[in-house]
C-alpha atoms as a PDB file:
ATOM      1  CA  MET A   1    -172.855-227.449 -95.524  1.00  0.00           C
ATOM      2  CA  SER A   2    -175.574-224.870 -95.442  1.00  0.00           C
ATOM      3  CA  ALA A   3    -174.952-221.216 -96.134  1.00  0.00           C
ATOM      4  CA  VAL A   4    -176.443-220.396 -92.744  1.00  0.00           C
ATOM      5  CA  LEU A   5    -173.922-222.626 -90.959  1.00  0.00           C
ATOM      6  CA  CYS A   6    -171.062-221.196 -92.994  1.00  0.00           C
ATOM      7  CA  ASN A   7    -172.165-217.695 -92.159  1.00  0.00           C
ATOM      8  CA  SER A   8    -172.451-218.632 -88.504  1.00  0.00           C
ATOM      9  CA  TRP A   9    -168.914-220.020 -88.415  1.00  0.00           C
ATOM     10  CA  HIS A  10    -167.645-217.005 -90.323  1.00  0.00           C
ATOM     11  CA  HIS A  11    -169.350-214.670 -87.845  1.00  0.00           C
ATOM     12  CA  ARG A  12    -167.870-216.512 -84.879  1.00  0.00           C
ATOM     13  CA  GLY A  13    -164.438-216.388 -86.467  1.00  0.00           C
ATOM     14  CA  MET A  14    -164.695-212.645 -87.075  1.00  0.00           C
ATOM     15  CA  THR A  15    -165.940-212.128 -83.529  1.00  0.00           C
ATOM     16  CA  SER A  16    -163.106-214.161 -81.990  1.00  0.00           C
ATOM     17  CA  GLU A  17    -160.596-212.111 -84.020  1.00  0.00           C
ATOM     18  CA  SER A  18    -162.159-208.770 -83.054  1.00  0.00           C
ATOM     19  CA  VAL A  19    -162.313-209.426 -79.321  1.00  0.00           C
ATOM     20  CA  PRO A  20    -158.535-209.378 -78.763  1.00  0.00           C
ATOM     21  CA  ARG A  21    -158.258-206.220 -80.830  1.00  0.00           C
ATOM     22  CA  ALA A  22    -161.000-204.588 -78.771  1.00  0.00           C
ATOM     23  CA  VAL A  23    -159.281-205.626 -75.556  1.00  0.00           C
ATOM     24  CA  ARG A  24    -155.960-204.211 -76.735  1.00  0.00           C
ATOM     25  CA  ARG A  25    -157.644-200.989 -77.845  1.00  0.00           C
ATOM     26  CA  ARG A  26    -159.358-200.541 -74.480  1.00  0.00           C
ATOM     27  CA  ALA A  27    -156.122-201.297 -72.637  1.00  0.00           C
ATOM     28  CA  ARG A  28    -154.284-198.748 -74.771  1.00  0.00           C
ATOM     29  CA  GLU A  29    -156.982-196.112 -74.193  1.00  0.00           C
ATOM     30  CA  GLU A  30    -156.785-196.728 -70.443  1.00  0.00           C
ATOM     31  CA  ILE A  31    -153.010-196.272 -70.390  1.00  0.00           C
ATOM     32  CA  VAL A  32    -153.243-193.112 -72.496  1.00  0.00           C
ATOM     33  CA  ARG A  33    -155.860-191.815 -70.060  1.00  0.00           C
ATOM     34  CA  GLU A  34    -153.504-192.529 -67.137  1.00  0.00           C
ATOM     35  CA  VAL A  35    -150.671-190.742 -68.942  1.00  0.00           C
ATOM     36  CA  VAL A  36    -152.864-187.688 -69.547  1.00  0.00           C
ATOM     37  CA  GLU A  37    -154.037-187.646 -65.923  1.00  0.00           C
ATOM     38  CA  ALA A  38    -150.443-187.806 -64.684  1.00  0.00           C
ATOM     39  CA  ALA A  39    -149.487-185.025 -67.104  1.00  0.00           C
ATOM     40  CA  ARG A  40    -152.369-182.888 -65.816  1.00  0.00           C
ATOM     41  CA  ARG A  41    -151.094-183.290 -62.258  1.00  0.00           C
ATOM     42  CA  GLN A  42    -147.593-182.338 -63.396  1.00  0.00           C
ATOM     43  CA  LEU A  43    -149.030-179.339 -65.242  1.00  0.00           C
ATOM     44  CA  ALA A  44    -150.363-178.000 -61.934  1.00  0.00           C
ATOM     45  CA  VAL A  45    -146.887-178.180 -60.376  1.00  0.00           C
ATOM     46  CA  GLU A  46    -144.454-177.436 -63.208  1.00  0.00           C
ATOM     47  CA  GLY A  47    -146.563-175.547 -65.736  1.00  0.00           C
ATOM     48  CA  ALA A  48    -146.695-176.364 -69.436  1.00  0.00           C
ATOM     49  CA  PRO A  49    -143.032-175.511 -70.217  1.00  0.00           C
ATOM     50  CA  GLY A  50    -141.889-177.964 -67.522  1.00  0.00           C
ATOM     51  CA  LEU A  51    -144.010-180.859 -68.753  1.00  0.00           C
ATOM     52  CA  SER A  52    -141.809-183.959 -69.025  1.00  0.00           C
ATOM     53  CA  LEU A  53    -142.604-187.432 -70.286  1.00  0.00           C
ATOM     54  CA  ARG A  54    -139.834-188.783 -68.067  1.00  0.00           C
ATOM     55  CA  ALA A  55    -141.544-187.352 -65.000  1.00  0.00           C
ATOM     56  CA  VAL A  56    -144.890-188.741 -66.156  1.00  0.00           C
ATOM     57  CA  ALA A  57    -143.291-192.155 -66.634  1.00  0.00           C
ATOM     58  CA  ARG A  58    -141.760-192.043 -63.137  1.00  0.00           C
ATOM     59  CA  GLU A  59    -145.123-191.208 -61.568  1.00  0.00           C
ATOM     60  CA  LEU A  60    -146.753-194.131 -63.362  1.00  0.00           C
ATOM     61  CA  GLY A  61    -143.933-196.522 -62.517  1.00  0.00           C
ATOM     62  CA  MET A  62    -143.008-196.954 -66.179  1.00  0.00           C
ATOM     63  CA  VAL A  63    -139.767-196.581 -68.082  1.00  0.00           C
ATOM     64  CA  SER A  64    -139.660-193.659 -70.499  1.00  0.00           C
ATOM     65  CA  SER A  65    -139.458-195.916 -73.528  1.00  0.00           C
ATOM     66  CA  ALA A  66    -142.755-197.539 -72.546  1.00  0.00           C
ATOM     67  CA  VAL A  67    -144.546-194.178 -72.403  1.00  0.00           C
ATOM     68  CA  TYR A  68    -143.358-193.393 -75.930  1.00  0.00           C
ATOM     69  CA  ARG A  69    -145.338-196.394 -77.175  1.00  0.00           C
ATOM     70  CA  TYR A  70    -148.507-194.503 -76.250  1.00  0.00           C
ATOM     71  CA  VAL A  71    -147.542-190.838 -76.695  1.00  0.00           C
ATOM     72  CA  ALA A  72    -145.062-189.832 -79.375  1.00  0.00           C
ATOM     73  CA  GLY A  73    -143.544-186.969 -77.410  1.00  0.00           C
ATOM     74  CA  ARG A  74    -144.121-183.838 -75.358  1.00  0.00           C
ATOM     75  CA  ASP A  75    -145.966-182.045 -78.159  1.00  0.00           C
ATOM     76  CA  GLU A  76    -148.471-184.861 -78.625  1.00  0.00           C
ATOM     77  CA  LEU A  77    -149.024-184.945 -74.863  1.00  0.00           C
ATOM     78  CA  LEU A  78    -149.620-181.185 -74.847  1.00  0.00           C
ATOM     79  CA  THR A  79    -152.092-181.586 -77.693  1.00  0.00           C
ATOM     80  CA  LEU A  80    -154.010-184.266 -75.766  1.00  0.00           C
ATOM     81  CA  LEU A  81    -154.156-181.960 -72.733  1.00  0.00           C
ATOM     82  CA  ILE A  82    -155.221-178.964 -74.810  1.00  0.00           C
ATOM     83  CA  VAL A  83    -157.963-180.811 -76.687  1.00  0.00           C
ATOM     84  CA  GLU A  84    -159.310-182.285 -73.474  1.00  0.00           C
ATOM     85  CA  ALA A  85    -159.263-178.881 -71.752  1.00  0.00           C
ATOM     86  CA  TYR A  86    -161.007-177.114 -74.636  1.00  0.00           C
ATOM     87  CA  ASP A  87    -163.642-179.846 -74.723  1.00  0.00           C
ATOM     88  CA  ALA A  88    -164.200-179.624 -70.973  1.00  0.00           C
ATOM     89  CA  LEU A  89    -164.511-175.830 -71.110  1.00  0.00           C
ATOM     90  CA  GLY A  90    -166.833-176.035 -74.108  1.00  0.00           C
ATOM     91  CA  ALA A  91    -169.013-178.648 -72.436  1.00  0.00           C
ATOM     92  CA  ALA A  92    -169.304-176.525 -69.277  1.00  0.00           C
ATOM     93  CA  ALA A  93    -170.407-173.478 -71.292  1.00  0.00           C
ATOM     94  CA  GLU A  94    -172.821-175.542 -73.403  1.00  0.00           C
ATOM     95  CA  ASP A  95    -174.409-177.140 -70.343  1.00  0.00           C
ATOM     96  CA  ALA A  96    -174.955-173.746 -68.708  1.00  0.00           C
ATOM     97  CA  GLU A  97    -176.300-172.115 -71.880  1.00  0.00           C
ATOM     98  CA  ARG A  98    -178.626-175.044 -72.612  1.00  0.00           C
ATOM     99  CA  LYS A  99    -180.468-174.516 -69.326  1.00  0.00           C
ATOM    100  CA  VAL A 100    -181.604-171.016 -70.314  1.00  0.00           C
ATOM    101  CA  ALA A 101    -184.956-170.695 -72.091  1.00  0.00           C
ATOM    102  CA  ARG A 102    -184.979-169.480 -75.713  1.00  0.00           C
ATOM    103  CA  PRO A 103    -184.423-166.943 -77.068  1.00  0.00           C
ATOM    104  CA  ALA A 104    -183.284-165.038 -73.909  1.00  0.00           C
ATOM    105  CA  THR A 105    -180.061-163.990 -75.632  1.00  0.00           C
ATOM    106  CA  GLY A 106    -178.908-161.765 -72.785  1.00  0.00           C
ATOM    107  CA  GLU A 107    -179.371-164.458 -70.143  1.00  0.00           C
ATOM    108  CA  ARG A 108    -177.619-166.992 -72.336  1.00  0.00           C
ATOM    109  CA  TRP A 109    -174.649-164.639 -72.670  1.00  0.00           C
ATOM    110  CA  LEU A 110    -174.471-164.321 -68.881  1.00  0.00           C
ATOM    111  CA  ALA A 111    -174.693-168.093 -68.457  1.00  0.00           C
ATOM    112  CA  ILE A 112    -171.777-168.570 -70.863  1.00  0.00           C
ATOM    113  CA  CYS A 113    -169.712-165.909 -69.076  1.00  0.00           C
ATOM    114  CA  HIS A 114    -170.194-167.437 -65.627  1.00  0.00           C
ATOM    115  CA  ALA A 115    -169.553-170.967 -66.909  1.00  0.00           C
ATOM    116  CA  VAL A 116    -166.230-169.907 -68.451  1.00  0.00           C
ATOM    117  CA  ARG A 117    -165.160-168.097 -65.296  1.00  0.00           C
ATOM    118  CA  ASP A 118    -166.228-170.920 -62.975  1.00  0.00           C
ATOM    119  CA  TRP A 119    -164.393-173.497 -65.066  1.00  0.00           C
ATOM    120  CA  ALA A 120    -161.259-171.360 -65.173  1.00  0.00           C
ATOM    121  CA  ARG A 121    -161.253-170.850 -61.412  1.00  0.00           C
ATOM    122  CA  ALA A 122    -161.766-174.572 -60.812  1.00  0.00           C
ATOM    123  CA  ARG A 123    -159.049-175.609 -63.306  1.00  0.00           C
ATOM    124  CA  PRO A 124    -156.609-172.662 -63.436  1.00  0.00           C
ATOM    125  CA  HIS A 125    -153.620-174.580 -64.776  1.00  0.00           C
ATOM    126  CA  GLU A 126    -155.609-175.969 -67.691  1.00  0.00           C
ATOM    127  CA  TYR A 127    -157.028-172.520 -68.413  1.00  0.00           C
ATOM    128  CA  ALA A 128    -153.464-171.160 -68.380  1.00  0.00           C
ATOM    129  CA  LEU A 129    -152.478-173.851 -70.874  1.00  0.00           C
ATOM    130  CA  LEU A 130    -155.205-172.575 -73.219  1.00  0.00           C
ATOM    131  CA  TYR A 131    -155.031-168.812 -72.667  1.00  0.00           C
ATOM    132  CA  GLY A 132    -151.729-168.158 -70.917  1.00  0.00           C
ATOM    133  CA  SER A 133    -148.275-167.686 -72.398  1.00  0.00           C
ATOM    134  CA  PRO A 134    -147.483-169.859 -75.442  1.00  0.00           C
ATOM    135  CA  VAL A 135    -145.355-172.924 -74.737  1.00  0.00           C
ATOM    136  CA  PRO A 136    -141.911-172.413 -76.332  1.00  0.00           C
ATOM    137  CA  GLY A 137    -141.457-174.598 -79.395  1.00  0.00           C
ATOM    138  CA  TYR A 138    -145.024-175.889 -79.494  1.00  0.00           C
ATOM    139  CA  GLN A 139    -147.290-175.368 -82.516  1.00  0.00           C
ATOM    140  CA  ALA A 140    -150.921-176.342 -81.991  1.00  0.00           C
ATOM    141  CA  PRO A 141    -152.107-178.763 -84.718  1.00  0.00           C
ATOM    142  CA  GLN A 142    -155.424-178.792 -86.572  1.00  0.00           C
ATOM    143  CA  ALA A 143    -156.851-181.194 -83.994  1.00  0.00           C
ATOM    144  CA  THR A 144    -157.166-178.334 -81.497  1.00  0.00           C
ATOM    145  CA  ILE A 145    -159.238-176.036 -83.720  1.00  0.00           C
ATOM    146  CA  GLY A 146    -162.621-177.740 -83.401  1.00  0.00           C
ATOM    147  CA  PRO A 147    -162.563-178.014 -79.592  1.00  0.00           C
ATOM    148  CA  ALA A 148    -161.240-174.431 -79.346  1.00  0.00           C
ATOM    149  CA  THR A 149    -164.308-173.040 -81.140  1.00  0.00           C
ATOM    150  CA  ARG A 150    -167.006-174.560 -78.925  1.00  0.00           C
ATOM    151  CA  VAL A 151    -167.490-171.448 -76.791  1.00  0.00           C
ATOM    152  CA  THR A 152    -167.305-169.082 -79.765  1.00  0.00           C
ATOM    153  CA  ALA A 153    -169.877-171.230 -81.586  1.00  0.00           C
ATOM    154  CA  LEU A 154    -172.250-170.657 -78.665  1.00  0.00           C
ATOM    155  CA  LEU A 155    -171.682-166.916 -78.863  1.00  0.00           C
ATOM    156  CA  SER A 156    -172.334-167.051 -82.605  1.00  0.00           C
ATOM    157  CA  ASP A 157    -175.670-168.757 -81.907  1.00  0.00           C
ATOM    158  CA  VAL A 158    -176.547-165.988 -79.444  1.00  0.00           C
ATOM    159  CA  LEU A 159    -175.841-163.338 -82.106  1.00  0.00           C
ATOM    160  CA  ARG A 160    -177.971-165.193 -84.651  1.00  0.00           C
ATOM    161  CA  ASP A 161    -180.901-165.395 -82.236  1.00  0.00           C
ATOM    162  CA  ALA A 162    -180.459-161.735 -81.299  1.00  0.00           C
ATOM    163  CA  VAL A 163    -181.031-160.827 -84.946  1.00  0.00           C
ATOM    164  CA  ALA A 164    -184.112-163.040 -85.162  1.00  0.00           C
ATOM    165  CA  ALA A 165    -185.589-161.422 -82.050  1.00  0.00           C
ATOM    166  CA  ASP A 166    -184.919-157.773 -82.950  1.00  0.00           C
ATOM    167  CA  PRO A 167    -186.360-156.146 -86.116  1.00  0.00           C
ATOM    168  CA  ALA A 168    -183.732-153.390 -85.947  1.00  0.00           C
ATOM    169  CA  TRP A 169    -180.923-155.912 -86.420  1.00  0.00           C
ATOM    170  CA  GLN A 170    -182.893-157.599 -89.202  1.00  0.00           C
ATOM    171  CA  LEU A 171    -183.024-154.316 -91.111  1.00  0.00           C
ATOM    172  CA  GLN A 172    -179.285-153.810 -90.764  1.00  0.00           C
ATOM    173  CA  SER A 173    -178.516-157.330 -91.964  1.00  0.00           C
ATOM    174  CA  GLY A 174    -179.966-156.522 -95.386  1.00  0.00           C
ATOM    175  CA  ARG A 175    -177.754-153.523 -96.134  1.00  0.00           C
ATOM    176  CA  ASP A 176    -175.551-153.635 -99.216  1.00  0.00           C
ATOM    177  CA  GLY A 177    -172.499-151.704-100.294  1.00  0.00           C
ATOM    178  CA  GLU A 178    -168.773-151.704 -99.674  1.00  0.00           C
ATOM    179  CA  PRO A 179    -168.054-152.342 -95.980  1.00  0.00           C
ATOM    180  CA  PRO A 180    -165.948-149.836 -94.023  1.00  0.00           C
ATOM    181  CA  PRO A 181    -162.365-150.874 -93.159  1.00  0.00           C
ATOM    182  CA  TRP A 182    -163.277-152.029 -89.650  1.00  0.00           C
ATOM    183  CA  ALA A 183    -165.926-154.347 -91.101  1.00  0.00           C
ATOM    184  CA  ALA A 184    -163.600-155.591 -93.833  1.00  0.00           C
ATOM    185  CA  ALA A 185    -161.149-156.562 -91.083  1.00  0.00           C
ATOM    186  CA  MET A 186    -163.672-159.144 -89.880  1.00  0.00           C
ATOM    187  CA  ARG A 187    -163.750-161.067 -93.172  1.00  0.00           C
ATOM    188  CA  PRO A 188    -161.844-164.070 -91.747  1.00  0.00           C
ATOM    189  CA  ALA A 189    -164.590-164.492 -89.136  1.00  0.00           C
ATOM    190  CA  ARG A 190    -167.449-164.284 -91.607  1.00  0.00           C
ATOM    191  CA  PRO A 191    -167.513-167.961 -92.709  1.00  0.00           C
ATOM    192  CA  PHE A 192    -168.089-168.964 -89.082  1.00  0.00           C
ATOM    193  CA  VAL A 193    -170.916-166.523 -88.333  1.00  0.00           C
ATOM    194  CA  PRO A 194    -174.501-166.766 -89.641  1.00  0.00           C
ATOM    195  CA  GLU A 195    -174.854-164.493 -92.663  1.00  0.00           C
ATOM    196  CA  GLN A 196    -177.881-162.713 -91.178  1.00  0.00           C
ATOM    197  CA  VAL A 197    -175.690-161.263 -88.399  1.00  0.00           C
ATOM    198  CA  PRO A 198    -174.885-157.688 -89.561  1.00  0.00           C
ATOM    199  CA  ASP A 199    -171.411-156.214 -89.277  1.00  0.00           C
ATOM    200  CA  GLU A 200    -172.487-153.875 -86.487  1.00  0.00           C
ATOM    201  CA  LEU A 201    -173.608-156.785 -84.314  1.00  0.00           C
ATOM    202  CA  LEU A 202    -170.613-158.917 -85.248  1.00  0.00           C
ATOM    203  CA  VAL A 203    -168.118-156.285 -84.137  1.00  0.00           C
ATOM    204  CA  ARG A 204    -169.964-155.995 -80.844  1.00  0.00           C
ATOM    205  CA  GLY A 205    -169.923-159.764 -80.490  1.00  0.00           C
ATOM    206  CA  LEU A 206    -166.169-159.866 -81.084  1.00  0.00           C
ATOM    207  CA  MET A 207    -165.708-157.152 -78.464  1.00  0.00           C
ATOM    208  CA  ALA A 208    -167.788-159.162 -75.982  1.00  0.00           C
ATOM    209  CA  TRP A 209    -165.837-162.353 -76.747  1.00  0.00           C
ATOM    210  CA  THR A 210    -162.540-160.503 -76.201  1.00  0.00           C
ATOM    211  CA  TYR A 211    -163.855-159.016 -72.975  1.00  0.00           C
ATOM    212  CA  LEU A 212    -164.953-162.374 -71.594  1.00  0.00           C
ATOM    213  CA  PHE A 213    -161.609-164.119 -71.884  1.00  0.00           C
ATOM    214  CA  GLY A 214    -159.674-160.954 -71.096  1.00  0.00           C
ATOM    215  CA  ALA A 215    -161.568-160.399 -67.850  1.00  0.00           C
ATOM    216  CA  VAL A 216    -161.218-164.037 -66.784  1.00  0.00           C
ATOM    217  CA  SER A 217    -157.506-164.006 -67.628  1.00  0.00           C
ATOM    218  CA  PHE A 218    -156.904-160.741 -65.770  1.00  0.00           C
ATOM    219  CA  GLU A 219    -158.564-162.147 -62.667  1.00  0.00           C
ATOM    220  CA  LEU A 220    -156.916-165.553 -62.837  1.00  0.00           C
ATOM    221  CA  PHE A 221    -153.404-164.282 -63.568  1.00  0.00           C
ATOM    222  CA  GLY A 222    -153.485-161.609 -60.856  1.00  0.00           C
ATOM    223  CA  HIS A 223    -153.664-158.498 -63.042  1.00  0.00           C
ATOM    224  CA  ARG A 224    -156.464-157.050 -60.918  1.00  0.00           C
ATOM    225  CA  GLN A 225    -154.745-157.422 -57.559  1.00  0.00           C
ATOM    226  CA  GLY A 226    -154.843-154.147 -55.690  1.00  0.00           C
ATOM    227  CA  VAL A 227    -157.651-152.987 -57.968  1.00  0.00           C
ATOM    228  CA  LEU A 228    -160.433-155.331 -56.878  1.00  0.00           C
ATOM    229  CA  THR A 229    -161.154-157.039 -53.597  1.00  0.00           C
ATOM    230  CA  SER A 230    -160.068-160.626 -52.968  1.00  0.00           C
ATOM    231  CA  ASP A 231    -163.467-161.517 -51.501  1.00  0.00           C
ATOM    232  CA  PRO A 232    -164.804-164.297 -53.804  1.00  0.00           C
ATOM    233  CA  ASP A 233    -168.464-163.311 -53.405  1.00  0.00           C
ATOM    234  CA  LEU A 234    -167.763-159.672 -54.224  1.00  0.00           C
ATOM    235  CA  LEU A 235    -165.579-160.677 -57.169  1.00  0.00           C
ATOM    236  CA  ARG A 236    -168.404-162.784 -58.560  1.00  0.00           C
ATOM    237  CA  ALA A 237    -170.834-159.891 -58.112  1.00  0.00           C
ATOM    238  CA  PHE A 238    -168.444-157.560 -59.937  1.00  0.00           C
ATOM    239  CA  PHE A 239    -167.997-160.046 -62.776  1.00  0.00           C
ATOM    240  CA  ALA A 240    -171.772-160.433 -63.074  1.00  0.00           C
ATOM    241  CA  GLU A 241    -172.232-156.684 -63.340  1.00  0.00           C
ATOM    242  CA  GLU A 242    -169.468-156.091 -65.883  1.00  0.00           C
ATOM    243  CA  SER A 243    -170.729-159.051 -67.934  1.00  0.00           C
ATOM    244  CA  ARG A 244    -174.201-157.521 -67.877  1.00  0.00           C
ATOM    245  CA  ARG A 245    -172.855-154.174 -69.028  1.00  0.00           C
ATOM    246  CA  ILE A 246    -170.733-155.581 -71.838  1.00  0.00           C
ATOM    247  CA  GLY A 247    -173.717-157.662 -72.902  1.00  0.00           C
ATOM    248  CA  ARG A 248    -175.769-154.494 -73.228  1.00  0.00           C
ATOM    249  CA  LEU A 249    -172.959-152.820 -75.191  1.00  0.00           C
ATOM    250  CA  ALA A 250    -173.002-155.857 -77.473  1.00  0.00           C
ATOM    251  CA  GLY A 251    -176.656-155.161 -78.204  1.00  0.00           C
ATOM    252  CA  LEU A 252    -178.199-157.879 -76.051  1.00  0.00           C
ATOM    253  CA  PRO A 253    -181.362-157.213 -74.002  1.00  0.00           C
ATOM    254  CA  LEU A 254    -180.083-157.005 -70.411  1.00  0.00           C
END
């Protein structure tokens, strides 16, 4: 028997064994997707603390024990929802920022701001899961860290390009010496920020990042009721103006 024929039979045998596994994997992925979709709908009604695998199973017409074959428990389900939400938010911000010409750091900042706000308003319960009150008893695992940093990675890129476009920032980035206490406080952030970004720009960037999610959270969770109008067009105009101003305070050309 020729080696070619043997290899052919071997290949067919491997293929016939892999097909059932692929079918089972796709079926499992589809069921997990249905479980996550049902959990997302429940999230909108009950909130994260009220998330229940039993309720998800009832909606899908499954017994609870069957759901546990696909999701180990409430915490794993929360993690799936959180990762998916962070990825969706990150993708929305990346898509908006990508459409802005380079370097245009100020315009890119505004694009990121509006993308975050628009996503939050369209998916308020998922935003609340990410930036609202912590869920009692839940500890986010390592799997959430990467997706959670997608928006901050964009802002880091904006800071890096701001340095490249402005000689004044370039001069500051080369300064030596012991940093002041406020700069030393930022040491944990340093490994995630390009080294050419000086401390003065980094602290402004952290202020802008805090502003962005603080402003969106205040609006979404009703902390500005009675302070700002409820007119959606005027609210968007106000957000655009305060984003422009904080961008300027952060050292971006706006």
